[in-house]
Amino acid sequence: MATDGALANVLSLPTVWLVVMIVSNFMGGPSGFVALVAMEVLVVPFEGMLYWRSGKLRLGNALALAAVANLASFTFGAVVH
């Protein structure tokens, strides 16, 4: 399971931040934040499917885990920032 989580992060994290940086640089203002929220929501199904494919979690539980992990990451980032 830990390797599935690591794979999900290695694949999704750079993509999320690349999109956020591009949107922020070209559109400015609050668009970077909007892009971040949108990308965090969009990666939940992707990460959930990776967790589910490991065969250790049911699909609903995998999606819930991905949602909680992304919400925790987003919240931590908001607090630190």
C-alpha atoms as a PDB file:
ATOM      1  CA  MET A   1       0.000   0.000   0.000  1.00  0.00           C
ATOM      2  CA  ALA A   2       2.799   2.425   0.803  1.00  0.00           C
ATOM      3  CA  THR A   3       4.275   1.971  -2.653  1.00  0.00           C
ATOM      4  CA  ASP A   4       0.873   2.701  -4.211  1.00  0.00           C
ATOM      5  CA  GLY A   5       0.658   5.949  -2.264  1.00  0.00           C
ATOM      6  CA  ALA A   6       4.187   6.876  -3.243  1.00  0.00           C
ATOM      7  CA  LEU A   7       3.466   6.143  -6.896  1.00  0.00           C
ATOM      8  CA  ALA A   8       0.283   8.221  -6.754  1.00  0.00           C
ATOM      9  CA  ASN A   9       2.214  11.162  -5.301  1.00  0.00           C
ATOM     10  CA  VAL A  10       5.150  10.848  -7.690  1.00  0.00           C
ATOM     11  CA  LEU A  11       2.757  10.942 -10.639  1.00  0.00           C
ATOM     12  CA  SER A  12       0.202  13.491  -9.457  1.00  0.00           C
ATOM     13  CA  LEU A  13       2.122  16.035  -7.383  1.00  0.00           C
ATOM     14  CA  PRO A  14       4.388  17.361 -10.150  1.00  0.00           C
ATOM     15  CA  THR A  15       1.443  17.516 -12.540  1.00  0.00           C
ATOM     16  CA  VAL A  16      -0.674  19.474 -10.071  1.00  0.00           C
ATOM     17  CA  TRP A  17       2.055  22.004  -9.388  1.00  0.00           C
ATOM     18  CA  LEU A  18       3.007  22.367 -13.044  1.00  0.00           C
ATOM     19  CA  VAL A  19      -0.595  23.237 -13.936  1.00  0.00           C
ATOM     20  CA  VAL A  20      -0.885  25.616 -10.967  1.00  0.00           C
ATOM     21  CA  MET A  21       2.344  27.420 -11.887  1.00  0.00           C
ATOM     22  CA  ILE A  22       1.347  27.765 -15.542  1.00  0.00           C
ATOM     23  CA  VAL A  23      -2.099  29.101 -14.660  1.00  0.00           C
ATOM     24  CA  SER A  24      -0.647  31.485 -12.057  1.00  0.00           C
ATOM     25  CA  ASN A  25       1.977  32.844 -14.447  1.00  0.00           C
ATOM     26  CA  PHE A  26      -0.376  33.378 -17.360  1.00  0.00           C
ATOM     27  CA  MET A  27      -3.569  34.438 -15.599  1.00  0.00           C
ATOM     28  CA  GLY A  28      -2.362  35.850 -12.267  1.00  0.00           C
ATOM     29  CA  GLY A  29      -4.605  36.837  -9.403  1.00  0.00           C
ATOM     30  CA  PRO A  30      -6.650  34.173  -7.670  1.00  0.00           C
ATOM     31  CA  SER A  31      -6.554  31.887 -10.708  1.00  0.00           C
ATOM     32  CA  GLY A  32      -3.640  29.928  -9.241  1.00  0.00           C
ATOM     33  CA  PHE A  33      -5.662  29.123  -6.147  1.00  0.00           C
ATOM     34  CA  VAL A  34      -8.662  28.124  -8.259  1.00  0.00           C
ATOM     35  CA  ALA A  35      -6.409  25.894 -10.360  1.00  0.00           C
ATOM     36  CA  LEU A  36      -4.969  24.320  -7.213  1.00  0.00           C
ATOM     37  CA  VAL A  37      -8.402  23.501  -5.830  1.00  0.00           C
ATOM     38  CA  ALA A  38      -9.544  22.129  -9.181  1.00  0.00           C
ATOM     39  CA  MET A  39      -6.451  19.978  -9.583  1.00  0.00           C
ATOM     40  CA  GLU A  40      -6.704  18.635  -6.031  1.00  0.00           C
ATOM     41  CA  VAL A  41     -10.265  17.541  -6.800  1.00  0.00           C
ATOM     42  CA  LEU A  42      -9.286  16.052 -10.161  1.00  0.00           C
ATOM     43  CA  VAL A  43      -6.451  13.926  -8.789  1.00  0.00           C
ATOM     44  CA  VAL A  44      -8.682  12.193  -6.222  1.00  0.00           C
ATOM     45  CA  PRO A  45     -10.128   9.708  -8.745  1.00  0.00           C
ATOM     46  CA  PHE A  46      -6.681   9.127 -10.261  1.00  0.00           C
ATOM     47  CA  GLU A  47      -5.060   8.399  -6.915  1.00  0.00           C
ATOM     48  CA  GLY A  48      -8.065   6.419  -5.712  1.00  0.00           C
ATOM     49  CA  MET A  49      -7.843   4.181  -8.763  1.00  0.00           C
ATOM     50  CA  LEU A  50      -4.171   3.514  -8.057  1.00  0.00           C
ATOM     51  CA  TYR A  51      -4.989   2.555  -4.469  1.00  0.00           C
ATOM     52  CA  TRP A  52      -7.843   0.351  -5.675  1.00  0.00           C
ATOM     53  CA  ARG A  53      -5.687  -1.376  -8.296  1.00  0.00           C
ATOM     54  CA  SER A  54      -3.386  -2.579  -5.548  1.00  0.00           C
ATOM     55  CA  GLY A  55      -6.214  -4.940  -4.602  1.00  0.00           C
ATOM     56  CA  LYS A  56      -6.068  -4.020  -0.948  1.00  0.00           C
ATOM     57  CA  LEU A  57      -8.973  -1.567  -0.847  1.00  0.00           C
ATOM     58  CA  ARG A  58     -12.463  -1.527  -2.234  1.00  0.00           C
ATOM     59  CA  LEU A  59     -13.034   1.249  -4.753  1.00  0.00           C
ATOM     60  CA  GLY A  60     -15.131   3.373  -2.373  1.00  0.00           C
ATOM     61  CA  ASN A  61     -12.540   3.108   0.370  1.00  0.00           C
ATOM     62  CA  ALA A  62      -9.729   3.879  -2.056  1.00  0.00           C
ATOM     63  CA  LEU A  63     -11.486   7.016  -3.290  1.00  0.00           C
ATOM     64  CA  ALA A  64     -12.231   8.071   0.297  1.00  0.00           C
ATOM     65  CA  LEU A  65      -8.583   7.584   1.255  1.00  0.00           C
ATOM     66  CA  ALA A  66      -7.453   9.655  -1.717  1.00  0.00           C
ATOM     67  CA  ALA A  67      -9.945  12.407  -0.848  1.00  0.00           C
ATOM     68  CA  VAL A  68      -8.863  12.529   2.798  1.00  0.00           C
ATOM     69  CA  ALA A  69      -5.164  12.489   1.865  1.00  0.00           C
ATOM     70  CA  ASN A  70      -5.607  15.362  -0.600  1.00  0.00           C
ATOM     71  CA  LEU A  71      -7.742  17.357   1.817  1.00  0.00           C
ATOM     72  CA  ALA A  72      -5.127  16.892   4.537  1.00  0.00           C
ATOM     73  CA  SER A  73      -2.345  17.941   2.184  1.00  0.00           C
ATOM     74  CA  PHE A  74      -4.291  20.964   0.970  1.00  0.00           C
ATOM     75  CA  THR A  75      -5.154  22.015   4.542  1.00  0.00           C
ATOM     76  CA  PHE A  76      -1.565  21.614   5.728  1.00  0.00           C
ATOM     77  CA  GLY A  77      -0.322  23.655   2.780  1.00  0.00           C
ATOM     78  CA  ALA A  78      -2.887  26.386   3.486  1.00  0.00           C
ATOM     79  CA  VAL A  79      -1.886  26.561   7.156  1.00  0.00           C
ATOM     80  CA  VAL A  80       1.842  26.657   6.396  1.00  0.00           C
ATOM     81  CA  HIS A  81       1.474  29.142   3.577  1.00  0.00           C
END
